[in-house]
PDB file of N, CA and C in Angstrom:
ATOM      1  N   UNK A   1      16.328   0.022 -21.417  1.00  0.00           N
ATOM      2  CA  UNK A   1      15.474   1.148 -21.136  1.00  0.00           C
ATOM      3  C   UNK A   1      16.007   1.870 -19.899  1.00  0.00           C
ATOM      4  N   UNK A   2      16.115   3.153 -19.992  1.00  0.00           N
ATOM      5  CA  UNK A   2      16.606   3.950 -18.874  1.00  0.00           C
ATOM      6  C   UNK A   2      15.427   4.393 -18.010  1.00  0.00           C
ATOM      7  N   UNK A   3      15.617   4.293 -16.710  1.00  0.00           N
ATOM      8  CA  UNK A   3      14.579   4.714 -15.777  1.00  0.00           C
ATOM      9  C   UNK A   3      14.937   6.057 -15.177  1.00  0.00           C
ATOM     10  N   UNK A   4      13.922   6.871 -14.960  1.00  0.00           N
ATOM     11  CA  UNK A   4      14.078   8.115 -14.227  1.00  0.00           C
ATOM     12  C   UNK A   4      13.641   7.820 -12.806  1.00  0.00           C
ATOM     13  N   UNK A   5      14.149   8.592 -11.865  1.00  0.00           N
ATOM     14  CA  UNK A   5      13.801   8.362 -10.463  1.00  0.00           C
ATOM     15  C   UNK A   5      13.283   9.657  -9.847  1.00  0.00           C
ATOM     16  N   UNK A   6      12.341   9.490  -8.923  1.00  0.00           N
ATOM     17  CA  UNK A   6      11.796  10.633  -8.205  1.00  0.00           C
ATOM     18  C   UNK A   6      11.507  10.195  -6.770  1.00  0.00           C
ATOM     19  N   UNK A   7      11.722  11.092  -5.830  1.00  0.00           N
ATOM     20  CA  UNK A   7      11.474  10.794  -4.415  1.00  0.00           C
ATOM     21  C   UNK A   7      10.412  11.758  -3.890  1.00  0.00           C
ATOM     22  N   UNK A   8       9.387  11.204  -3.227  1.00  0.00           N
ATOM     23  CA  UNK A   8       8.352  12.002  -2.578  1.00  0.00           C
ATOM     24  C   UNK A   8       8.550  11.889  -1.070  1.00  0.00           C
ATOM     25  N   UNK A   9       8.365  12.989  -0.364  1.00  0.00           N
ATOM     26  CA  UNK A   9       8.451  12.951   1.093  1.00  0.00           C
ATOM     27  C   UNK A   9       7.226  13.649   1.672  1.00  0.00           C
ATOM     28  N   UNK A  10       6.222  12.874   2.013  1.00  0.00           N
ATOM     29  CA  UNK A  10       4.981  13.351   2.617  1.00  0.00           C
ATOM     30  C   UNK A  10       4.255  14.428   1.818  1.00  0.00           C
ATOM     31  N   UNK A  11       4.581  14.621   0.548  1.00  0.00           N
ATOM     32  CA  UNK A  11       3.875  15.648  -0.217  1.00  0.00           C
ATOM     33  C   UNK A  11       2.544  15.147  -0.762  1.00  0.00           C
ATOM     34  N   UNK A  12       2.335  13.860  -0.740  1.00  0.00           N
ATOM     35  CA  UNK A  12       1.106  13.311  -1.296  1.00  0.00           C
ATOM     36  C   UNK A  12      -0.032  13.259  -0.281  1.00  0.00           C
ATOM     37  N   UNK A  13       0.251  13.527   0.983  1.00  0.00           N
ATOM     38  CA  UNK A  13      -0.764  13.414   2.026  1.00  0.00           C
ATOM     39  C   UNK A  13      -1.914  14.397   1.849  1.00  0.00           C
ATOM     40  N   UNK A  14      -1.672  15.514   1.198  1.00  0.00           N
ATOM     41  CA  UNK A  14      -2.701  16.539   1.070  1.00  0.00           C
ATOM     42  C   UNK A  14      -3.294  16.623  -0.328  1.00  0.00           C
ATOM     43  N   UNK A  15      -3.031  15.608  -1.146  1.00  0.00           N
ATOM     44  CA  UNK A  15      -3.547  15.595  -2.504  1.00  0.00           C
ATOM     45  C   UNK A  15      -4.737  14.640  -2.565  1.00  0.00           C
ATOM     46  N   UNK A  16      -5.731  15.008  -3.330  1.00  0.00           N
ATOM     47  CA  UNK A  16      -6.926  14.204  -3.521  1.00  0.00           C
ATOM     48  C   UNK A  16      -6.550  12.789  -3.967  1.00  0.00           C
ATOM     49  N   UNK A  17      -7.262  11.784  -3.450  1.00  0.00           N
ATOM     50  CA  UNK A  17      -6.966  10.374  -3.741  1.00  0.00           C
ATOM     51  C   UNK A  17      -6.955  10.084  -5.245  1.00  0.00           C
ATOM     52  N   UNK A  18      -7.918  10.640  -5.963  1.00  0.00           N
ATOM     53  CA  UNK A  18      -7.987  10.426  -7.414  1.00  0.00           C
ATOM     54  C   UNK A  18      -6.729  10.971  -8.098  1.00  0.00           C
ATOM     55  N   UNK A  19      -6.282  12.149  -7.687  1.00  0.00           N
ATOM     56  CA  UNK A  19      -5.091  12.753  -8.278  1.00  0.00           C
ATOM     57  C   UNK A  19      -3.832  11.955  -7.956  1.00  0.00           C
ATOM     58  N   UNK A  20      -3.765  11.411  -6.752  1.00  0.00           N
ATOM     59  CA  UNK A  20      -2.617  10.581  -6.376  1.00  0.00           C
ATOM     60  C   UNK A  20      -2.569   9.338  -7.252  1.00  0.00           C
ATOM     61  N   UNK A  21      -3.719   8.692  -7.451  1.00  0.00           N
ATOM     62  CA  UNK A  21      -3.769   7.498  -8.299  1.00  0.00           C
ATOM     63  C   UNK A  21      -3.361   7.825  -9.730  1.00  0.00           C
ATOM     64  N   UNK A  22      -3.806   8.964 -10.236  1.00  0.00           N
ATOM     65  CA  UNK A  22      -3.422   9.387 -11.583  1.00  0.00           C
ATOM     66  C   UNK A  22      -1.921   9.629 -11.673  1.00  0.00           C
ATOM     67  N   UNK A  23      -1.355  10.254 -10.647  1.00  0.00           N
ATOM     68  CA  UNK A  23       0.082  10.517 -10.617  1.00  0.00           C
ATOM     69  C   UNK A  23       0.867   9.207 -10.609  1.00  0.00           C
ATOM     70  N   UNK A  24       0.475   8.279  -9.768  1.00  0.00           N
ATOM     71  CA  UNK A  24       1.172   6.992  -9.694  1.00  0.00           C
ATOM     72  C   UNK A  24       1.073   6.249 -11.019  1.00  0.00           C
ATOM     73  N   UNK A  25      -0.093   6.312 -11.668  1.00  0.00           N
ATOM     74  CA  UNK A  25      -0.252   5.648 -12.958  1.00  0.00           C
ATOM     75  C   UNK A  25       0.638   6.306 -14.008  1.00  0.00           C
ATOM     76  N   UNK A  26       0.723   7.618 -13.996  1.00  0.00           N
ATOM     77  CA  UNK A  26       1.592   8.334 -14.932  1.00  0.00           C
ATOM     78  C   UNK A  26       3.049   7.906 -14.742  1.00  0.00           C
ATOM     79  N   UNK A  27       3.484   7.853 -13.490  1.00  0.00           N
ATOM     80  CA  UNK A  27       4.867   7.461 -13.200  1.00  0.00           C
ATOM     81  C   UNK A  27       5.136   6.047 -13.700  1.00  0.00           C
ATOM     82  N   UNK A  28       4.192   5.147 -13.454  1.00  0.00           N
ATOM     83  CA  UNK A  28       4.353   3.764 -13.895  1.00  0.00           C
ATOM     84  C   UNK A  28       4.385   3.679 -15.421  1.00  0.00           C
ATOM     85  N   UNK A  29       3.463   4.361 -16.067  1.00  0.00           N
ATOM     86  CA  UNK A  29       3.379   4.332 -17.535  1.00  0.00           C
ATOM     87  C   UNK A  29       4.629   4.900 -18.199  1.00  0.00           C
ATOM     88  N   UNK A  30       5.327   5.793 -17.516  1.00  0.00           N
ATOM     89  CA  UNK A  30       6.500   6.448 -18.084  1.00  0.00           C
ATOM     90  C   UNK A  30       7.810   5.906 -17.518  1.00  0.00           C
ATOM     91  N   UNK A  31       7.741   4.709 -16.918  1.00  0.00           N
ATOM     92  CA  UNK A  31       8.933   4.040 -16.378  1.00  0.00           C
ATOM     93  C   UNK A  31       9.733   4.926 -15.429  1.00  0.00           C
ATOM     94  N   UNK A  32       9.017   5.642 -14.587  1.00  0.00           N
ATOM     95  CA  UNK A  32       9.671   6.482 -13.594  1.00  0.00           C
ATOM     96  C   UNK A  32       9.627   5.742 -12.266  1.00  0.00           C
ATOM     97  N   UNK A  33      10.788   5.389 -11.760  1.00  0.00           N
ATOM     98  CA  UNK A  33      10.882   4.731 -10.459  1.00  0.00           C
ATOM     99  C   UNK A  33      10.700   5.815  -9.398  1.00  0.00           C
ATOM    100  N   UNK A  34       9.811   5.567  -8.461  1.00  0.00           N
ATOM    101  CA  UNK A  34       9.591   6.579  -7.436  1.00  0.00           C
ATOM    102  C   UNK A  34       9.691   5.961  -6.056  1.00  0.00           C
ATOM    103  N   UNK A  35      10.165   6.785  -5.160  1.00  0.00           N
ATOM    104  CA  UNK A  35      10.268   6.407  -3.755  1.00  0.00           C
ATOM    105  C   UNK A  35       9.356   7.362  -3.001  1.00  0.00           C
ATOM    106  N   UNK A  36       8.446   6.806  -2.247  1.00  0.00           N
ATOM    107  CA  UNK A  36       7.504   7.620  -1.495  1.00  0.00           C
ATOM    108  C   UNK A  36       7.757   7.416  -0.012  1.00  0.00           C
ATOM    109  N   UNK A  37       8.289   8.414   0.634  1.00  0.00           N
ATOM    110  CA  UNK A  37       8.528   8.373   2.076  1.00  0.00           C
ATOM    111  C   UNK A  37       7.327   9.044   2.728  1.00  0.00           C
ATOM    112  N   UNK A  38       6.593   8.270   3.522  1.00  0.00           N
ATOM    113  CA  UNK A  38       5.354   8.804   4.084  1.00  0.00           C
ATOM    114  C   UNK A  38       4.996   8.111   5.384  1.00  0.00           C
ATOM    115  N   UNK A  39       4.143   8.765   6.134  1.00  0.00           N
ATOM    116  CA  UNK A  39       3.573   8.137   7.324  1.00  0.00           C
ATOM    117  C   UNK A  39       2.112   7.772   7.075  1.00  0.00           C
ATOM    118  N   UNK A  40       1.662   7.882   5.823  1.00  0.00           N
ATOM    119  CA  UNK A  40       0.295   7.547   5.435  1.00  0.00           C
ATOM    120  C   UNK A  40       0.286   6.145   4.834  1.00  0.00           C
ATOM    121  N   UNK A  41      -0.097   5.170   5.632  1.00  0.00           N
ATOM    122  CA  UNK A  41      -0.040   3.771   5.207  1.00  0.00           C
ATOM    123  C   UNK A  41      -1.008   3.484   4.056  1.00  0.00           C
ATOM    124  N   UNK A  42      -2.057   4.268   3.896  1.00  0.00           N
ATOM    125  CA  UNK A  42      -2.992   4.066   2.785  1.00  0.00           C
ATOM    126  C   UNK A  42      -2.288   4.223   1.438  1.00  0.00           C
ATOM    127  N   UNK A  43      -1.267   5.095   1.376  1.00  0.00           N
ATOM    128  CA  UNK A  43      -0.536   5.294   0.123  1.00  0.00           C
ATOM    129  C   UNK A  43       0.275   4.063  -0.264  1.00  0.00           C
ATOM    130  N   UNK A  44       0.551   3.207   0.695  1.00  0.00           N
ATOM    131  CA  UNK A  44       1.310   1.987   0.406  1.00  0.00           C
ATOM    132  C   UNK A  44       0.560   1.090  -0.569  1.00  0.00           C
ATOM    133  N   UNK A  45      -0.762   1.201  -0.582  1.00  0.00           N
ATOM    134  CA  UNK A  45      -1.571   0.357  -1.460  1.00  0.00           C
ATOM    135  C   UNK A  45      -1.324   0.655  -2.935  1.00  0.00           C
ATOM    136  N   UNK A  46      -0.751   1.792  -3.225  1.00  0.00           N
ATOM    137  CA  UNK A  46      -0.491   2.174  -4.615  1.00  0.00           C
ATOM    138  C   UNK A  46       0.899   1.766  -5.081  1.00  0.00           C
ATOM    139  N   UNK A  47       1.646   1.130  -4.212  1.00  0.00           N
ATOM    140  CA  UNK A  47       3.023   0.774  -4.543  1.00  0.00           C
ATOM    141  C   UNK A  47       3.169  -0.742  -4.684  1.00  0.00           C
ATOM    142  N   UNK A  48       4.255  -1.146  -5.312  1.00  0.00           N
ATOM    143  CA  UNK A  48       4.489  -2.577  -5.493  1.00  0.00           C
ATOM    144  C   UNK A  48       5.521  -3.119  -4.507  1.00  0.00           C
ATOM    145  N   UNK A  49       6.285  -2.242  -3.881  1.00  0.00           N
ATOM    146  CA  UNK A  49       7.337  -2.668  -2.953  1.00  0.00           C
ATOM    147  C   UNK A  49       7.304  -1.743  -1.752  1.00  0.00           C
ATOM    148  N   UNK A  50       7.466  -2.304  -0.578  1.00  0.00           N
ATOM    149  CA  UNK A  50       7.323  -1.536   0.650  1.00  0.00           C
ATOM    150  C   UNK A  50       8.485  -1.829   1.589  1.00  0.00           C
ATOM    151  N   UNK A  51       9.025  -0.778   2.162  1.00  0.00           N
ATOM    152  CA  UNK A  51      10.077  -0.901   3.174  1.00  0.00           C
ATOM    153  C   UNK A  51       9.581  -0.172   4.413  1.00  0.00           C
ATOM    154  N   UNK A  52       9.594  -0.845   5.546  1.00  0.00           N
ATOM    155  CA  UNK A  52       9.191  -0.245   6.814  1.00  0.00           C
ATOM    156  C   UNK A  52      10.452  -0.002   7.644  1.00  0.00           C
ATOM    157  N   UNK A  53      10.635   1.255   8.024  1.00  0.00           N
ATOM    158  CA  UNK A  53      11.792   1.652   8.834  1.00  0.00           C
ATOM    159  C   UNK A  53      11.356   2.011  10.239  1.00  0.00           C
ATOM    160  N   UNK A  54      12.242   1.815  11.190  1.00  0.00           N
ATOM    161  CA  UNK A  54      12.078   2.315  12.557  1.00  0.00           C
ATOM    162  C   UNK A  54      13.458   2.687  13.061  1.00  0.00           C
ATOM    163  N   UNK A  55      13.630   3.928  13.433  1.00  0.00           N
ATOM    164  CA  UNK A  55      14.931   4.416  13.913  1.00  0.00           C
ATOM    165  C   UNK A  55      16.064   4.068  12.942  1.00  0.00           C
ATOM    166  N   UNK A  56      15.825   4.348  11.676  1.00  0.00           N
ATOM    167  CA  UNK A  56      16.819   4.131  10.607  1.00  0.00           C
ATOM    168  C   UNK A  56      17.180   2.666  10.383  1.00  0.00           C
ATOM    169  N   UNK A  57      16.393   1.750  10.904  1.00  0.00           N
ATOM    170  CA  UNK A  57      16.616   0.327  10.676  1.00  0.00           C
ATOM    171  C   UNK A  57      15.444  -0.235   9.888  1.00  0.00           C
ATOM    172  N   UNK A  58      15.761  -1.117   8.952  1.00  0.00           N
ATOM    173  CA  UNK A  58      14.705  -1.768   8.195  1.00  0.00           C
ATOM    174  C   UNK A  58      14.064  -2.842   9.071  1.00  0.00           C
ATOM    175  N   UNK A  59      12.770  -2.718   9.289  1.00  0.00           N
ATOM    176  CA  UNK A  59      12.017  -3.713  10.061  1.00  0.00           C
ATOM    177  C   UNK A  59      11.643  -4.871   9.155  1.00  0.00           C
ATOM    178  N   UNK A  60      11.096  -4.532   7.996  1.00  0.00           N
ATOM    179  CA  UNK A  60      10.701  -5.527   7.011  1.00  0.00           C
ATOM    180  C   UNK A  60      10.600  -4.852   5.657  1.00  0.00           C
ATOM    181  N   UNK A  61      10.706  -5.655   4.614  1.00  0.00           N
ATOM    182  CA  UNK A  61      10.552  -5.125   3.268  1.00  0.00           C
ATOM    183  C   UNK A  61      10.145  -6.245   2.335  1.00  0.00           C
ATOM    184  N   UNK A  62       9.563  -5.852   1.206  1.00  0.00           N
ATOM    185  CA  UNK A  62       9.177  -6.825   0.202  1.00  0.00           C
ATOM    186  C   UNK A  62       7.966  -6.360  -0.569  1.00  0.00           C
ATOM    187  N   UNK A  63       7.362  -7.299  -1.270  1.00  0.00           N
ATOM    188  CA  UNK A  63       6.133  -7.024  -1.996  1.00  0.00           C
ATOM    189  C   UNK A  63       5.145  -6.393  -1.020  1.00  0.00           C
ATOM    190  N   UNK A  64       4.481  -5.340  -1.450  1.00  0.00           N
ATOM    191  CA  UNK A  64       3.593  -4.586  -0.556  1.00  0.00           C
ATOM    192  C   UNK A  64       2.585  -5.471   0.158  1.00  0.00           C
ATOM    193  N   UNK A  65       1.906  -6.353  -0.578  1.00  0.00           N
ATOM    194  CA  UNK A  65       0.905  -7.216   0.062  1.00  0.00           C
ATOM    195  C   UNK A  65       1.524  -8.158   1.078  1.00  0.00           C
ATOM    196  N   UNK A  66       2.703  -8.673   0.782  1.00  0.00           N
ATOM    197  CA  UNK A  66       3.375  -9.564   1.733  1.00  0.00           C
ATOM    198  C   UNK A  66       3.710  -8.820   3.018  1.00  0.00           C
ATOM    199  N   UNK A  67       4.218  -7.609   2.893  1.00  0.00           N
ATOM    200  CA  UNK A  67       4.577  -6.822   4.078  1.00  0.00           C
ATOM    201  C   UNK A  67       3.335  -6.474   4.888  1.00  0.00           C
ATOM    202  N   UNK A  68       2.268  -6.065   4.204  1.00  0.00           N
ATOM    203  CA  UNK A  68       1.057  -5.663   4.916  1.00  0.00           C
ATOM    204  C   UNK A  68       0.365  -6.833   5.605  1.00  0.00           C
ATOM    205  N   UNK A  69       0.667  -8.051   5.211  1.00  0.00           N
ATOM    206  CA  UNK A  69       0.084  -9.208   5.883  1.00  0.00           C
ATOM    207  C   UNK A  69       0.824  -9.559   7.171  1.00  0.00           C
ATOM    208  N   UNK A  70       1.937  -8.890   7.432  1.00  0.00           N
ATOM    209  CA  UNK A  70       2.667  -9.081   8.689  1.00  0.00           C
ATOM    210  C   UNK A  70       2.067  -8.171   9.761  1.00  0.00           C
ATOM    211  N   UNK A  71       0.775  -8.376   9.993  1.00  0.00           N
ATOM    212  CA  UNK A  71      -0.013  -7.507  10.853  1.00  0.00           C
ATOM    213  C   UNK A  71       0.563  -7.373  12.273  1.00  0.00           C
ATOM    214  N   UNK A  72       0.954  -8.464  12.880  1.00  0.00           N
ATOM    215  CA  UNK A  72       1.478  -8.415  14.249  1.00  0.00           C
ATOM    216  C   UNK A  72       2.759  -7.593  14.326  1.00  0.00           C
ATOM    217  N   UNK A  73       3.630  -7.784  13.356  1.00  0.00           N
ATOM    218  CA  UNK A  73       4.882  -7.031  13.321  1.00  0.00           C
ATOM    219  C   UNK A  73       4.609  -5.531  13.167  1.00  0.00           C
ATOM    220  N   UNK A  74       3.725  -5.178  12.260  1.00  0.00           N
ATOM    221  CA  UNK A  74       3.413  -3.771  12.025  1.00  0.00           C
ATOM    222  C   UNK A  74       2.790  -3.138  13.264  1.00  0.00           C
ATOM    223  N   UNK A  75       1.873  -3.843  13.900  1.00  0.00           N
ATOM    224  CA  UNK A  75       1.225  -3.303  15.101  1.00  0.00           C
ATOM    225  C   UNK A  75       2.216  -3.141  16.247  1.00  0.00           C
ATOM    226  N   UNK A  76       3.198  -4.026  16.317  1.00  0.00           N
ATOM    227  CA  UNK A  76       4.215  -3.921  17.364  1.00  0.00           C
ATOM    228  C   UNK A  76       4.980  -2.605  17.251  1.00  0.00           C
ATOM    229  N   UNK A  77       5.072  -2.078  16.034  1.00  0.00           N
ATOM    230  CA  UNK A  77       5.765  -0.819  15.812  1.00  0.00           C
ATOM    231  C   UNK A  77       4.801   0.358  15.682  1.00  0.00           C
ATOM    232  N   UNK A  78       3.556   0.145  16.088  1.00  0.00           N
ATOM    233  CA  UNK A  78       2.580   1.221  16.116  1.00  0.00           C
ATOM    234  C   UNK A  78       1.974   1.575  14.771  1.00  0.00           C
ATOM    235  N   UNK A  79       2.084   0.685  13.813  1.00  0.00           N
ATOM    236  CA  UNK A  79       1.527   0.941  12.487  1.00  0.00           C
ATOM    237  C   UNK A  79       0.201   0.213  12.331  1.00  0.00           C
ATOM    238  N   UNK A  80      -0.744   0.879  11.730  1.00  0.00           N
ATOM    239  CA  UNK A  80      -2.026   0.226  11.464  1.00  0.00           C
ATOM    240  C   UNK A  80      -2.086  -0.147   9.996  1.00  0.00           C
ATOM    241  N   UNK A  81      -2.901  -1.118   9.704  1.00  0.00           N
ATOM    242  CA  UNK A  81      -3.077  -1.555   8.327  1.00  0.00           C
ATOM    243  C   UNK A  81      -4.033  -0.609   7.614  1.00  0.00           C
ATOM    244  N   UNK A  82      -3.885  -0.473   6.307  1.00  0.00           N
ATOM    245  CA  UNK A  82      -4.902   0.261   5.556  1.00  0.00           C
ATOM    246  C   UNK A  82      -6.251  -0.430   5.765  1.00  0.00           C
ATOM    247  N   UNK A  83      -7.310   0.349   5.807  1.00  0.00           N
ATOM    248  CA  UNK A  83      -8.639  -0.181   6.127  1.00  0.00           C
ATOM    249  C   UNK A  83      -9.011  -1.374   5.257  1.00  0.00           C
ATOM    250  N   UNK A  84      -8.835  -1.267   3.935  1.00  0.00           N
ATOM    251  CA  UNK A  84      -9.246  -2.349   3.038  1.00  0.00           C
ATOM    252  C   UNK A  84      -8.440  -3.624   3.280  1.00  0.00           C
ATOM    253  N   UNK A  85      -7.183  -3.492   3.626  1.00  0.00           N
ATOM    254  CA  UNK A  85      -6.358  -4.668   3.915  1.00  0.00           C
ATOM    255  C   UNK A  85      -6.841  -5.325   5.201  1.00  0.00           C
ATOM    256  N   UNK A  86      -7.082  -4.513   6.226  1.00  0.00           N
ATOM    257  CA  UNK A  86      -7.556  -5.064   7.498  1.00  0.00           C
ATOM    258  C   UNK A  86      -8.912  -5.749   7.329  1.00  0.00           C
ATOM    259  N   UNK A  87      -9.824  -5.123   6.587  1.00  0.00           N
ATOM    260  CA  UNK A  87     -11.131  -5.720   6.340  1.00  0.00           C
ATOM    261  C   UNK A  87     -10.992  -7.026   5.553  1.00  0.00           C
ATOM    262  N   UNK A  88     -10.151  -7.026   4.535  1.00  0.00           N
ATOM    263  CA  UNK A  88      -9.932  -8.244   3.740  1.00  0.00           C
ATOM    264  C   UNK A  88      -9.377  -9.374   4.594  1.00  0.00           C
ATOM    265  N   UNK A  89      -8.429  -9.060   5.474  1.00  0.00           N
ATOM    266  CA  UNK A  89      -7.856 -10.095   6.344  1.00  0.00           C
ATOM    267  C   UNK A  89      -8.910 -10.676   7.281  1.00  0.00           C
ATOM    268  N   UNK A  90      -9.778  -9.813   7.814  1.00  0.00           N
ATOM    269  CA  UNK A  90     -10.860 -10.306   8.681  1.00  0.00           C
ATOM    270  C   UNK A  90     -11.823 -11.190   7.896  1.00  0.00           C
ATOM    271  N   UNK A  91     -12.192 -10.763   6.702  1.00  0.00           N
ATOM    272  CA  UNK A  91     -13.093 -11.570   5.870  1.00  0.00           C
ATOM    273  C   UNK A  91     -12.432 -12.877   5.446  1.00  0.00           C
ATOM    274  N   UNK A  92     -11.125 -12.824   5.254  1.00  0.00           N
ATOM    275  CA  UNK A  92     -10.383 -14.033   4.880  1.00  0.00           C
ATOM    276  C   UNK A  92     -10.371 -15.024   6.047  1.00  0.00           C
ATOM    277  N   UNK A  93     -10.257 -14.513   7.280  1.00  0.00           N
ATOM    278  CA  UNK A  93     -10.299 -15.384   8.463  1.00  0.00           C
ATOM    279  C   UNK A  93     -11.613 -16.160   8.542  1.00  0.00           C
ATOM    280  N   UNK A  94     -12.688 -15.557   8.042  1.00  0.00           N
ATOM    281  CA  UNK A  94     -14.002 -16.209   8.060  1.00  0.00           C
ATOM    282  C   UNK A  94     -14.312 -16.912   6.738  1.00  0.00           C
ATOM    283  N   UNK A  95     -13.276 -17.062   5.902  1.00  0.00           N
ATOM    284  CA  UNK A  95     -13.413 -17.735   4.602  1.00  0.00           C
ATOM    285  C   UNK A  95     -14.470 -17.096   3.701  1.00  0.00           C
ATOM    286  N   UNK A  96     -14.633 -15.784   3.820  1.00  0.00           N
ATOM    287  CA  UNK A  96     -15.570 -15.072   2.961  1.00  0.00           C
ATOM    288  C   UNK A  96     -14.889 -14.543   1.703  1.00  0.00           C
ATOM    289  N   UNK A  97     -13.581 -14.388   1.764  1.00  0.00           N
ATOM    290  CA  UNK A  97     -12.781 -14.008   0.597  1.00  0.00           C
ATOM    291  C   UNK A  97     -11.529 -14.874   0.606  1.00  0.00           C
ATOM    292  N   UNK A  98     -10.893 -14.959  -0.547  1.00  0.00           N
ATOM    293  CA  UNK A  98      -9.701 -15.799  -0.617  1.00  0.00           C
ATOM    294  C   UNK A  98      -8.425 -15.015  -0.911  1.00  0.00           C
ATOM    295  N   UNK A  99      -8.546 -13.685  -0.965  1.00  0.00           N
ATOM    296  CA  UNK A  99      -7.367 -12.858  -1.209  1.00  0.00           C
ATOM    297  C   UNK A  99      -7.562 -11.493  -0.569  1.00  0.00           C
ATOM    298  N   UNK A 100      -6.520 -10.700  -0.605  1.00  0.00           N
ATOM    299  CA  UNK A 100      -6.566  -9.349  -0.054  1.00  0.00           C
ATOM    300  C   UNK A 100      -7.050  -8.397  -1.142  1.00  0.00           C
ATOM    301  N   UNK A 101      -8.050  -7.617  -0.823  1.00  0.00           N
ATOM    302  CA  UNK A 101      -8.573  -6.608  -1.749  1.00  0.00           C
ATOM    303  C   UNK A 101      -8.054  -5.241  -1.330  1.00  0.00           C
ATOM    304  N   UNK A 102      -7.613  -4.479  -2.309  1.00  0.00           N
ATOM    305  CA  UNK A 102      -6.996  -3.186  -2.025  1.00  0.00           C
ATOM    306  C   UNK A 102      -7.948  -2.011  -2.195  1.00  0.00           C
ATOM    307  N   UNK A 103      -9.060  -2.235  -2.851  1.00  0.00           N
ATOM    308  CA  UNK A 103      -9.997  -1.129  -3.023  1.00  0.00           C
ATOM    309  C   UNK A 103     -11.421  -1.622  -2.802  1.00  0.00           C
ATOM    310  N   UNK A 104     -12.251  -0.702  -2.396  1.00  0.00           N
ATOM    311  CA  UNK A 104     -13.626  -1.004  -2.034  1.00  0.00           C
ATOM    312  C   UNK A 104     -14.409  -1.583  -3.209  1.00  0.00           C
ATOM    313  N   UNK A 105     -14.204  -1.035  -4.393  1.00  0.00           N
ATOM    314  CA  UNK A 105     -14.969  -1.466  -5.561  1.00  0.00           C
ATOM    315  C   UNK A 105     -14.763  -2.948  -5.868  1.00  0.00           C
ATOM    316  N   UNK A 106     -13.515  -3.390  -5.873  1.00  0.00           N
ATOM    317  CA  UNK A 106     -13.267  -4.802  -6.205  1.00  0.00           C
ATOM    318  C   UNK A 106     -13.777  -5.735  -5.108  1.00  0.00           C
ATOM    319  N   UNK A 107     -13.697  -5.320  -3.855  1.00  0.00           N
ATOM    320  CA  UNK A 107     -14.231  -6.143  -2.770  1.00  0.00           C
ATOM    321  C   UNK A 107     -15.749  -6.252  -2.874  1.00  0.00           C
ATOM    322  N   UNK A 108     -16.412  -5.135  -3.100  1.00  0.00           N
ATOM    323  CA  UNK A 108     -17.872  -5.150  -3.243  1.00  0.00           C
ATOM    324  C   UNK A 108     -18.275  -6.004  -4.436  1.00  0.00           C
ATOM    325  N   UNK A 109     -17.567  -5.861  -5.553  1.00  0.00           N
ATOM    326  CA  UNK A 109     -17.867  -6.686  -6.738  1.00  0.00           C
ATOM    327  C   UNK A 109     -17.768  -8.166  -6.416  1.00  0.00           C
ATOM    328  N   UNK A 110     -16.709  -8.543  -5.674  1.00  0.00           N
ATOM    329  CA  UNK A 110     -16.519  -9.960  -5.333  1.00  0.00           C
ATOM    330  C   UNK A 110     -17.631 -10.447  -4.396  1.00  0.00           C
ATOM    331  N   UNK A 111     -17.939  -9.663  -3.371  1.00  0.00           N
ATOM    332  CA  UNK A 111     -18.916 -10.105  -2.372  1.00  0.00           C
ATOM    333  C   UNK A 111     -20.343 -10.183  -2.920  1.00  0.00           C
ATOM    334  N   UNK A 112     -20.665  -9.345  -3.888  1.00  0.00           N
ATOM    335  CA  UNK A 112     -22.035  -9.279  -4.373  1.00  0.00           C
ATOM    336  C   UNK A 112     -22.231  -9.938  -5.729  1.00  0.00           C
ATOM    337  N   UNK A 113     -21.241 -10.687  -6.195  1.00  0.00           N
ATOM    338  CA  UNK A 113     -21.419 -11.345  -7.499  1.00  0.00           C
ATOM    339  C   UNK A 113     -22.238 -12.598  -7.388  1.00  0.00           C
TER     340      UNK A 113
END
C-alpha cells in the first residue's frame, strides 16, 4: 500500500477542535501520513508519534503517551502537558485511575461508572 504524506505547520491552531479531529480521522482512514509541526501541545493528543525538538535537536521521541509522561523533561524545556494528560497523571498518583485519559468524555465515563 502506498502512503501519501502531508506536512502541517501551525495551520491547525485556528481551526475548531471538532474539525481538526475530523481532518485527522480522514487522514488516518485514507492512509495519509502527516507531520504536524506546532507549538500547540493539545494537538499532540491526536497523534500516535511525537517528536520534541529544541534548537534543532531531538529532545525525546516515541509513542505520544510515552513522551507526554516524561513530565519533568518537558517542563525543563518550558512545555506544559495537555490538560487531560496532566489531570490523568494527578489522578493516577492518587490511584483514582489506572491509565492516561486523552479526552474529557472517557475520563468522566470511567470516574462515574
